[in-house]
Amino acid sequence: MPIPRTSSRFGPPILSYGLRPFFLLGALYAGSAILVWLVMLTGHLTIPTGFGPRDWHVHEMLYGYLAAVIAGYLLASIPNWTGRLPLDGGRLLVLVALWITGRLAVGTSAWTGWALAAVIDLSFLTVLALAVLRETLVGKTWRNMKIVAVLVVLLAGNLSFHLEAHLHGTAEHGARIGTAAIVVLVMLIGGRVVPSFTRTALAGGKPGPLPASFGGFDLAALAVAAAALASWVVAPDAPAAGTLLLLASAAQAIRLARWAGYRAARDVHVLVLHTAYVFVPVGFLLVGLAVLRPDMPASIGIHAWTGGAFGTMTIAVMTRLAAQHTRRPVLDAPALPALYALVVGAALARIAAGFAGSHALPLLTASALAWTAAFLGLFALLFRPLTAPRLASPKPVRPAPGSCRAQTTPVRHGAELDDAPRARKGG
C-alpha cells in the first residue's frame, strides 16, 4: 500500500507542510530585514527595539530568518527520517504564530521591555526543539539527536543574546554561539545533500570518480571544526582558537574536494550547492586569520559564513525542497540562476567591504541590494507553488504489448529527498 504523504486533515495548502509557511516567511524576512538594516545603517530609520542597530541586524538574521528556514527544512525532513506524519494544520499555525510574534516582540522591545520580548522570542526555538526531540524519540532515529543538540545550542545562544544585550549593551557571545551552531548545521546537512545531489547528477553519465561516502575522515573533519568553533566562541582572541580554525578550514576544504563537484559543474543546481559549501572553509580561514592577525577584521570571515554559506545554501535547499514537495517546475524557472548569482555576489561584496575601510559603504549598499533582490525574488518565485495544492504524482507509462523495455517517468531534481513518510502513522 502507498504511504500517504500528508495527513487527512483539511485546511489551506500552506499549512499542510512546515516548509511551506517557513520558507516563504524566511525568504520574505531575509530580503526585507536587510533592506531595513541598510536604511538604519545610513541613519534614515530607527525602530523601537532594545537592541542596538547592529545587534538587531545580527539577531534577526541568525534567530529570525535562519531559524525560520531551519524550521522549514526540519519539518520537511523529519517525516522522511522517522516515517511519521508531518506537523500540519493548527499545530503548525501555532509554531508560525510564535515565530511572527517573536519578530514583533524583538522589533518593539524598547516599548514592551527586554524580558517579555526575550520570553516571546525564545518560545519559538523552544517549541521547535521539543517537537524535533519528540519525533526523534518516538521515531527512534537516534542519529538525529545531534540535530536536537544543535537546536539546543542555538536556543542557548538566543538566550545569551538577550541577556548580554540587556546587561552589557552588546551581544558578542550570543552572536558567536548562533553563528557557530548554524555553521555546524550547514556542515551536517550539507554533508548529506551536496554529495547526494552530486551523485544523482552524475548517475548514468561517463564513468569517473563519485562523491566519497560519509566516513572516518568526515567525522574527524567535523570534530576539528566543532572544537575550533567552541574555542572561538569561548576565547575569540586566543592563538589556539586561530590555529584550530585554520586546521578546520583545511579539513573542510578537503572534505568538499572529495565530493567530485567539478564533474557536475554544468548543472547549475549542483554547482550552487558546492559554491555554498566553499564559503564554509573560506569562513574558517578568514576568521582564523583574524584571530592570529588583529589588524584583520573578524567580520570578513563571519560574513563568508553568514552571507556566503548560509545565504547560498538556504536558497539552494529551499528551491529543491519546494520543487520536490509541490511537484511544480520551480527548478526550471528562468530567473533561478540569477537569484543564485545575486546571493553569491552579495556575499562577495560584503566580504570585500571588510577590506575597503572608509570606502566600504558602496560595497555594503551593493551587497544589501543584491541580497534583498535575491530573497524577495525567491519569495516571488516560491509564493504560488507553496500556497497552491500539491500536484498529483505523475503516473508511469505502461510498456506497449510485446515491448521488451518498460518506460518510466524520468527522475526529477530532489528525488533523493523524497518527503513521503515511509512507515507508521504518527501523532
Protein backbone atom coordinates (compact mmCIF):
# COMPACT_ATOMS: atom_id res chain seq x y z
CA MET A 1 0.00 0.00 0.00
CA PRO A 2 1.33 3.50 -0.79
CA ILE A 3 2.22 5.60 2.25
CA PRO A 4 0.26 8.90 2.46
CA ARG A 5 2.46 11.95 2.11
CA THR A 6 0.31 14.12 4.34
CA SER A 7 -2.39 13.62 6.92
CA SER A 8 -6.09 13.72 6.02
CA ARG A 9 -6.70 16.99 7.90
CA PHE A 10 -8.48 19.71 6.00
CA GLY A 11 -7.07 23.21 5.76
CA PRO A 12 -5.26 25.62 3.44
CA PRO A 13 -2.36 24.13 1.45
CA ILE A 14 0.13 26.47 3.12
CA LEU A 15 -0.46 24.68 6.45
CA SER A 16 -0.10 21.18 5.01
CA TYR A 17 3.66 21.04 5.50
CA GLY A 18 6.12 23.05 7.59
CA LEU A 19 8.34 24.07 4.71
CA ARG A 20 5.51 26.00 3.05
CA PRO A 21 4.97 28.84 5.57
CA PHE A 22 8.52 28.88 6.91
CA PHE A 23 10.27 29.01 3.55
CA LEU A 24 8.01 31.86 2.47
CA LEU A 25 8.45 33.73 5.75
CA GLY A 26 12.20 33.13 5.75
CA ALA A 27 12.64 34.41 2.19
CA LEU A 28 10.44 37.46 2.77
CA TYR A 29 12.12 38.36 6.06
CA ALA A 30 15.66 37.80 4.76
CA GLY A 31 15.09 40.32 1.97
CA SER A 32 13.05 42.90 3.87
CA ALA A 33 15.12 42.88 7.08
CA ILE A 34 18.34 43.56 5.16
CA LEU A 35 16.63 46.43 3.36
CA VAL A 36 15.55 47.85 6.73
CA TRP A 37 19.10 47.38 8.03
CA LEU A 38 20.52 49.31 5.07
CA VAL A 39 18.23 52.27 5.81
CA MET A 40 19.16 52.05 9.52
CA LEU A 41 22.85 51.94 8.62
CA THR A 42 22.59 55.22 6.73
CA GLY A 43 20.81 56.86 9.67
CA HIS A 44 17.45 57.34 7.97
CA LEU A 45 15.43 54.96 10.16
CA THR A 46 15.20 53.83 13.77
CA ILE A 47 12.96 51.11 15.17
CA PRO A 48 11.80 50.73 18.80
CA THR A 49 14.00 47.76 19.66
CA GLY A 50 16.03 47.40 22.83
CA PHE A 51 18.92 46.09 20.76
CA GLY A 52 21.48 48.38 19.19
CA PRO A 53 21.12 48.63 15.40
CA ARG A 54 23.96 46.18 14.72
CA ASP A 55 22.69 43.68 17.28
CA TRP A 56 19.16 43.84 15.85
CA HIS A 57 20.57 43.07 12.40
CA VAL A 58 22.68 40.16 13.66
CA HIS A 59 19.90 38.74 15.84
CA GLU A 60 17.24 38.86 13.17
CA MET A 61 19.46 37.17 10.59
CA LEU A 62 20.52 34.36 12.94
CA TYR A 63 17.43 33.87 15.09
CA GLY A 64 14.82 35.25 12.71
CA TYR A 65 15.37 34.42 9.04
CA LEU A 66 17.70 31.44 9.53
CA ALA A 67 15.59 29.99 12.35
CA ALA A 68 12.58 30.02 10.01
CA VAL A 69 14.47 28.26 7.20
CA ILE A 70 15.86 25.69 9.64
CA ALA A 71 12.34 25.02 10.91
CA GLY A 72 11.04 24.56 7.37
CA TYR A 73 13.85 22.17 6.48
CA LEU A 74 13.49 20.08 9.62
CA LEU A 75 9.69 19.90 9.46
CA ALA A 76 10.01 18.69 5.86
CA SER A 77 12.77 16.19 6.58
CA ILE A 78 11.70 14.66 9.89
CA PRO A 79 8.76 12.69 8.41
CA ASN A 80 11.25 11.22 5.94
CA TRP A 81 13.64 10.29 8.75
CA THR A 82 11.06 8.87 11.15
CA GLY A 83 8.22 7.58 8.96
CA ARG A 84 5.71 9.68 10.92
CA LEU A 85 3.21 12.17 9.60
CA PRO A 86 4.24 15.83 9.41
CA LEU A 87 3.32 18.66 11.73
CA ASP A 88 0.45 20.45 9.99
CA GLY A 89 -2.81 22.34 10.45
CA GLY A 90 -3.41 24.05 13.78
CA ARG A 91 -0.19 22.80 15.38
CA LEU A 92 1.84 24.25 12.53
CA LEU A 93 -0.11 27.51 12.74
CA VAL A 94 0.84 27.84 16.42
CA LEU A 95 4.53 27.47 15.54
CA VAL A 96 4.22 30.03 12.75
CA ALA A 97 2.46 32.44 15.13
CA LEU A 98 5.28 32.05 17.66
CA TRP A 99 7.86 32.99 15.02
CA ILE A 100 5.92 36.04 13.83
CA THR A 101 5.24 37.18 17.39
CA GLY A 102 8.93 36.82 18.18
CA ARG A 103 9.86 39.16 15.33
CA LEU A 104 7.34 41.74 16.52
CA ALA A 105 8.50 41.39 20.12
CA VAL A 106 12.16 41.94 19.24
CA GLY A 107 11.32 44.88 16.99
CA THR A 108 9.31 46.62 19.74
CA SER A 109 11.26 45.52 22.82
CA ALA A 110 12.05 49.12 23.75
CA TRP A 111 8.31 49.51 24.40
CA THR A 112 7.47 46.10 25.87
CA GLY A 113 10.64 45.52 27.88
CA TRP A 114 13.53 43.17 27.18
CA ALA A 115 12.34 40.32 29.44
CA LEU A 116 8.92 39.94 27.82
CA ALA A 117 10.48 40.20 24.36
CA ALA A 118 13.02 37.52 25.27
CA VAL A 119 10.36 35.11 26.57
CA ILE A 120 8.25 35.53 23.44
CA ASP A 121 11.22 35.23 21.11
CA LEU A 122 12.70 32.18 22.87
CA SER A 123 9.39 30.33 22.79
CA PHE A 124 9.72 29.57 19.07
CA LEU A 125 13.05 27.75 19.25
CA THR A 126 11.97 26.05 22.48
CA VAL A 127 8.83 24.57 20.91
CA LEU A 128 10.70 23.65 17.72
CA ALA A 129 13.45 21.85 19.67
CA LEU A 130 10.86 19.96 21.75
CA ALA A 131 8.96 18.95 18.61
CA VAL A 132 12.12 17.66 16.93
CA LEU A 133 13.11 15.84 20.14
CA ARG A 134 9.69 14.19 20.40
CA GLU A 135 9.77 12.99 16.80
CA THR A 136 13.32 11.72 17.21
CA LEU A 137 12.47 9.77 20.37
CA VAL A 138 9.18 8.33 19.09
CA GLY A 139 10.67 7.52 15.69
CA LYS A 140 13.81 6.08 17.36
CA THR A 141 16.07 7.84 14.85
CA TRP A 142 18.90 8.25 17.30
CA ARG A 143 21.40 9.60 14.80
CA ASN A 144 19.30 12.75 14.55
CA MET A 145 19.88 13.58 18.21
CA LYS A 146 22.81 15.68 17.01
CA ILE A 147 20.30 17.92 15.23
CA VAL A 148 18.44 18.31 18.53
CA ALA A 149 21.72 19.17 20.24
CA VAL A 150 22.44 21.91 17.70
CA LEU A 151 18.95 23.35 18.22
CA VAL A 152 19.56 23.42 21.98
CA VAL A 153 22.84 25.28 21.40
CA LEU A 154 21.03 27.72 19.11
CA LEU A 155 18.40 28.26 21.80
CA ALA A 156 21.15 28.87 24.38
CA GLY A 157 22.76 31.36 22.02
CA ASN A 158 19.50 33.26 21.68
CA LEU A 159 19.07 33.38 25.45
CA SER A 160 22.65 34.62 25.81
CA PHE A 161 21.99 37.26 23.16
CA HIS A 162 19.05 38.74 25.06
CA LEU A 163 20.85 38.65 28.42
CA GLU A 164 24.07 40.18 27.09
CA ALA A 165 22.29 42.92 25.18
CA HIS A 166 20.39 43.87 28.34
CA LEU A 167 23.31 43.66 30.76
CA HIS A 168 26.21 44.86 28.60
CA GLY A 169 24.61 46.70 25.69
CA THR A 170 26.03 44.28 23.11
CA ALA A 171 25.82 40.55 22.47
CA GLU A 172 29.14 39.18 21.28
CA HIS A 173 28.85 35.69 22.77
CA GLY A 174 25.25 35.26 21.66
CA ALA A 175 26.21 36.21 18.11
CA ARG A 176 29.15 33.79 18.05
CA ILE A 177 27.11 30.94 19.55
CA GLY A 178 24.36 31.36 16.95
CA THR A 179 26.84 31.61 14.09
CA ALA A 180 28.77 28.55 15.27
CA ALA A 181 25.61 26.47 15.72
CA ILE A 182 24.42 27.23 12.18
CA VAL A 183 27.88 26.53 10.73
CA VAL A 184 27.61 23.09 12.33
CA LEU A 185 24.13 22.61 10.83
CA VAL A 186 25.43 23.57 7.38
CA MET A 187 28.26 21.05 7.74
CA LEU A 188 25.85 18.31 8.86
CA ILE A 189 23.08 18.98 6.34
CA GLY A 190 25.47 19.96 3.56
CA GLY A 191 27.32 16.72 4.17
CA ARG A 192 24.09 14.93 3.31
CA VAL A 193 22.66 16.91 0.42
CA VAL A 194 25.74 18.08 -1.50
CA PRO A 195 27.25 14.64 -2.21
CA SER A 196 23.78 13.13 -2.63
CA PHE A 197 22.68 15.54 -5.34
CA THR A 198 26.10 15.38 -6.98
CA ARG A 199 25.93 11.59 -7.15
CA THR A 200 22.45 11.79 -8.69
CA ALA A 201 23.62 14.32 -11.28
CA LEU A 202 26.48 12.02 -12.28
CA ALA A 203 24.38 8.84 -12.43
CA GLY A 204 24.23 7.38 -15.91
CA GLY A 205 26.97 9.66 -17.22
CA LYS A 206 30.56 8.98 -18.12
CA PRO A 207 32.50 6.76 -15.70
CA GLY A 208 34.60 8.66 -13.21
CA PRO A 209 35.03 9.49 -9.54
CA LEU A 210 31.84 9.77 -7.48
CA PRO A 211 31.40 11.70 -4.22
CA ALA A 212 33.03 9.93 -1.31
CA SER A 213 30.66 8.33 1.17
CA PHE A 214 30.49 9.62 4.73
CA GLY A 215 33.25 8.00 6.73
CA GLY A 216 36.04 8.43 9.23
CA PHE A 217 37.53 11.48 7.55
CA ASP A 218 34.20 13.30 7.67
CA LEU A 219 33.86 12.52 11.37
CA ALA A 220 37.36 13.82 12.04
CA ALA A 221 36.75 16.97 9.98
CA LEU A 222 33.51 17.67 11.85
CA ALA A 223 35.22 17.08 15.21
CA VAL A 224 38.04 19.51 14.38
CA ALA A 225 35.51 22.09 13.16
CA ALA A 226 33.38 21.73 16.29
CA ALA A 227 36.44 22.14 18.52
CA ALA A 228 37.55 25.19 16.56
CA LEU A 229 34.12 26.81 16.79
CA ALA A 230 33.87 26.09 20.52
CA SER A 231 37.30 27.66 21.08
CA TRP A 232 36.33 30.70 19.03
CA VAL A 233 33.08 31.16 20.96
CA VAL A 234 34.80 30.98 24.35
CA ALA A 235 38.10 32.71 23.56
CA PRO A 236 37.89 34.51 20.21
CA ASP A 237 41.30 36.14 20.59
CA ALA A 238 43.28 33.08 21.69
CA PRO A 239 46.04 31.88 19.30
CA ALA A 240 44.92 28.29 19.93
CA ALA A 241 41.48 29.14 18.57
CA GLY A 242 43.03 30.69 15.46
CA THR A 243 45.17 27.61 14.85
CA LEU A 244 42.20 25.27 15.22
CA LEU A 245 40.16 27.43 12.83
CA LEU A 246 42.87 27.15 10.18
CA LEU A 247 43.03 23.37 10.65
CA ALA A 248 39.25 23.21 10.32
CA SER A 249 39.46 25.23 7.11
CA ALA A 250 41.87 22.74 5.58
CA ALA A 251 39.78 19.76 6.71
CA GLN A 252 36.55 21.20 5.30
CA ALA A 253 38.25 22.10 2.01
CA ILE A 254 39.46 18.52 1.64
CA ARG A 255 36.02 17.23 2.55
CA LEU A 256 34.44 19.34 -0.19
CA ALA A 257 37.05 18.25 -2.74
CA ARG A 258 36.12 14.61 -2.09
CA TRP A 259 32.57 15.25 -3.36
CA ALA A 260 33.64 15.44 -7.04
CA GLY A 261 31.79 18.69 -7.69
CA TYR A 262 33.99 19.51 -10.68
CA ARG A 263 32.35 16.65 -12.59
CA ALA A 264 28.84 18.09 -12.19
CA ALA A 265 29.68 21.77 -12.61
CA ARG A 266 27.49 22.06 -15.72
CA ASP A 267 24.40 21.51 -13.59
CA VAL A 268 23.74 24.93 -12.05
CA HIS A 269 21.63 23.38 -9.27
CA VAL A 270 24.56 21.20 -8.21
CA LEU A 271 27.14 23.92 -8.76
CA VAL A 272 25.34 26.28 -6.37
CA LEU A 273 25.46 23.69 -3.58
CA HIS A 274 29.22 23.29 -3.96
CA THR A 275 29.61 27.08 -4.18
CA ALA A 276 27.68 27.45 -0.94
CA TYR A 277 29.91 24.94 0.81
CA VAL A 278 33.08 26.67 -0.45
CA PHE A 279 32.23 29.51 1.92
CA VAL A 280 32.49 27.13 4.90
CA PRO A 281 36.29 26.58 4.67
CA VAL A 282 36.74 30.18 3.47
CA GLY A 283 34.97 31.38 6.62
CA PHE A 284 37.16 29.21 8.85
CA LEU A 285 40.25 30.54 7.06
CA LEU A 286 39.31 34.22 7.32
CA VAL A 287 38.11 34.03 10.93
CA GLY A 288 41.26 32.10 11.88
CA LEU A 289 43.50 34.68 10.21
CA ALA A 290 41.63 37.47 12.00
CA VAL A 291 42.33 35.79 15.34
CA LEU A 292 46.05 35.50 14.57
CA ARG A 293 46.29 38.91 12.89
CA PRO A 294 44.49 41.59 14.95
CA ASP A 295 44.71 44.09 12.08
CA MET A 296 42.30 41.94 10.06
CA PRO A 297 38.58 42.39 10.93
CA ALA A 298 36.77 39.25 12.09
CA SER A 299 33.60 40.39 10.29
CA ILE A 300 35.09 39.35 6.94
CA GLY A 301 35.15 35.66 7.81
CA ILE A 302 31.86 35.83 9.71
CA HIS A 303 30.14 37.22 6.62
CA ALA A 304 31.72 34.50 4.50
CA TRP A 305 29.74 32.10 6.69
CA THR A 306 26.55 34.10 7.12
CA GLY A 307 26.24 35.70 3.70
CA GLY A 308 28.02 33.06 1.65
CA ALA A 309 27.43 29.65 3.21
CA PHE A 310 24.12 30.37 4.96
CA GLY A 311 22.58 32.56 2.28
CA THR A 312 23.56 30.45 -0.72
CA MET A 313 22.81 27.12 0.94
CA THR A 314 19.37 28.24 2.09
CA ILE A 315 18.33 29.38 -1.40
CA ALA A 316 19.64 26.17 -2.96
CA VAL A 317 17.92 23.87 -0.47
CA MET A 318 14.67 25.85 -0.30
CA THR A 319 14.17 25.72 -4.07
CA ARG A 320 14.97 22.00 -4.28
CA LEU A 321 12.66 21.02 -1.45
CA ALA A 322 9.88 23.28 -2.72
CA ALA A 323 10.13 21.71 -6.18
CA GLN A 324 10.07 18.20 -4.80
CA HIS A 325 7.26 18.75 -2.31
CA THR A 326 4.93 20.63 -4.64
CA ARG A 327 5.87 18.74 -7.82
CA ARG A 328 5.98 22.07 -9.64
CA PRO A 329 8.79 23.16 -12.01
CA VAL A 330 10.48 25.51 -9.55
CA LEU A 331 13.96 24.45 -10.67
CA ASP A 332 13.09 25.22 -14.29
CA ALA A 333 12.35 28.89 -13.55
CA PRO A 334 14.49 31.08 -15.87
CA ALA A 335 15.16 33.56 -13.04
CA LEU A 336 16.58 30.99 -10.61
CA PRO A 337 20.23 31.08 -11.81
CA ALA A 338 20.09 34.87 -11.47
CA LEU A 339 18.94 34.51 -7.85
CA TYR A 340 21.88 32.18 -7.20
CA ALA A 341 24.25 34.73 -8.75
CA LEU A 342 22.75 37.58 -6.71
CA VAL A 343 23.21 35.88 -3.35
CA VAL A 344 26.78 34.82 -4.17
CA GLY A 345 27.52 38.33 -5.40
CA ALA A 346 26.05 39.80 -2.22
CA ALA A 347 28.37 37.63 -0.12
CA LEU A 348 31.46 38.53 -2.16
CA ALA A 349 30.64 42.25 -1.99
CA ARG A 350 30.16 42.04 1.78
CA ILE A 351 33.49 40.26 2.22
CA ALA A 352 35.20 42.85 0.01
CA ALA A 353 33.66 45.64 2.09
CA GLY A 354 35.64 44.37 5.07
CA PHE A 355 38.86 45.22 3.24
CA ALA A 356 37.65 48.60 1.94
CA GLY A 357 37.97 50.58 5.18
CA SER A 358 36.37 54.02 4.94
CA HIS A 359 35.24 53.28 1.37
CA ALA A 360 33.08 50.33 2.39
CA LEU A 361 29.64 51.97 2.11
CA PRO A 362 29.18 51.47 -1.68
CA LEU A 363 30.07 47.80 -1.32
CA LEU A 364 27.79 47.41 1.70
CA THR A 365 24.97 49.02 -0.27
CA ALA A 366 25.58 46.81 -3.30
CA SER A 367 25.68 43.72 -1.09
CA ALA A 368 22.45 44.63 0.70
CA LEU A 369 20.59 45.39 -2.53
CA ALA A 370 21.77 42.18 -4.19
CA TRP A 371 20.77 40.14 -1.13
CA THR A 372 17.36 41.83 -1.00
CA ALA A 373 16.77 41.19 -4.70
CA ALA A 374 17.78 37.54 -4.30
CA PHE A 375 15.46 36.76 -1.40
CA LEU A 376 12.49 38.86 -2.45
CA GLY A 377 12.87 37.26 -5.87
CA LEU A 378 12.90 33.87 -4.17
CA PHE A 379 9.72 34.77 -2.29
CA ALA A 380 8.03 35.73 -5.55
CA LEU A 381 9.21 32.50 -7.19
CA LEU A 382 8.01 30.26 -4.36
CA PHE A 383 4.76 32.02 -3.48
CA ARG A 384 2.50 30.29 -5.98
CA PRO A 385 3.97 26.77 -5.59
CA LEU A 386 3.92 26.91 -1.78
CA THR A 387 0.40 28.31 -1.45
CA ALA A 388 -1.23 26.09 -4.08
CA PRO A 389 -2.21 22.41 -3.68
CA ARG A 390 0.41 19.83 -4.44
CA LEU A 391 0.23 18.43 -7.96
CA ALA A 392 -0.69 14.78 -8.39
CA SER A 393 2.11 12.29 -8.83
CA PRO A 394 2.79 11.54 -12.50
CA LYS A 395 1.81 8.01 -13.45
CA PRO A 396 4.39 5.70 -15.04
CA VAL A 397 3.81 4.91 -18.69
CA ARG A 398 2.87 1.27 -19.26
CA PRO A 399 5.00 -0.59 -21.82
CA ALA A 400 3.32 -1.41 -25.11
CA PRO A 401 2.30 -5.03 -25.62
CA GLY A 402 5.28 -7.05 -26.69
CA SER A 403 7.75 -4.35 -25.71
CA CYS A 404 10.89 -5.60 -24.02
CA ARG A 405 11.56 -2.31 -22.23
CA ALA A 406 9.34 -0.57 -19.70
CA GLN A 407 9.10 3.20 -19.97
CA THR A 408 9.35 5.09 -16.73
CA THR A 409 8.85 8.63 -15.61
CA PRO A 410 12.20 10.45 -15.53
CA VAL A 411 13.67 11.20 -12.13
CA ARG A 412 13.38 14.87 -11.23
CA HIS A 413 15.70 17.04 -9.18
CA GLY A 414 15.34 16.33 -5.48
CA ALA A 415 14.10 12.75 -5.76
CA GLU A 416 16.55 11.61 -3.13
CA LEU A 417 14.94 13.97 -0.61
CA ASP A 418 11.53 12.36 -1.08
CA ASP A 419 9.29 13.69 1.66
CA ALA A 420 6.97 10.69 1.82
CA PRO A 421 6.80 9.18 5.30
CA ARG A 422 7.88 5.59 4.91
CA ALA A 423 6.43 3.87 7.94
CA ARG A 424 3.84 4.09 10.65
CA LYS A 425 1.31 6.77 11.32
CA GLY A 426 2.37 9.50 13.73
CA GLY A 427 0.62 11.56 16.34
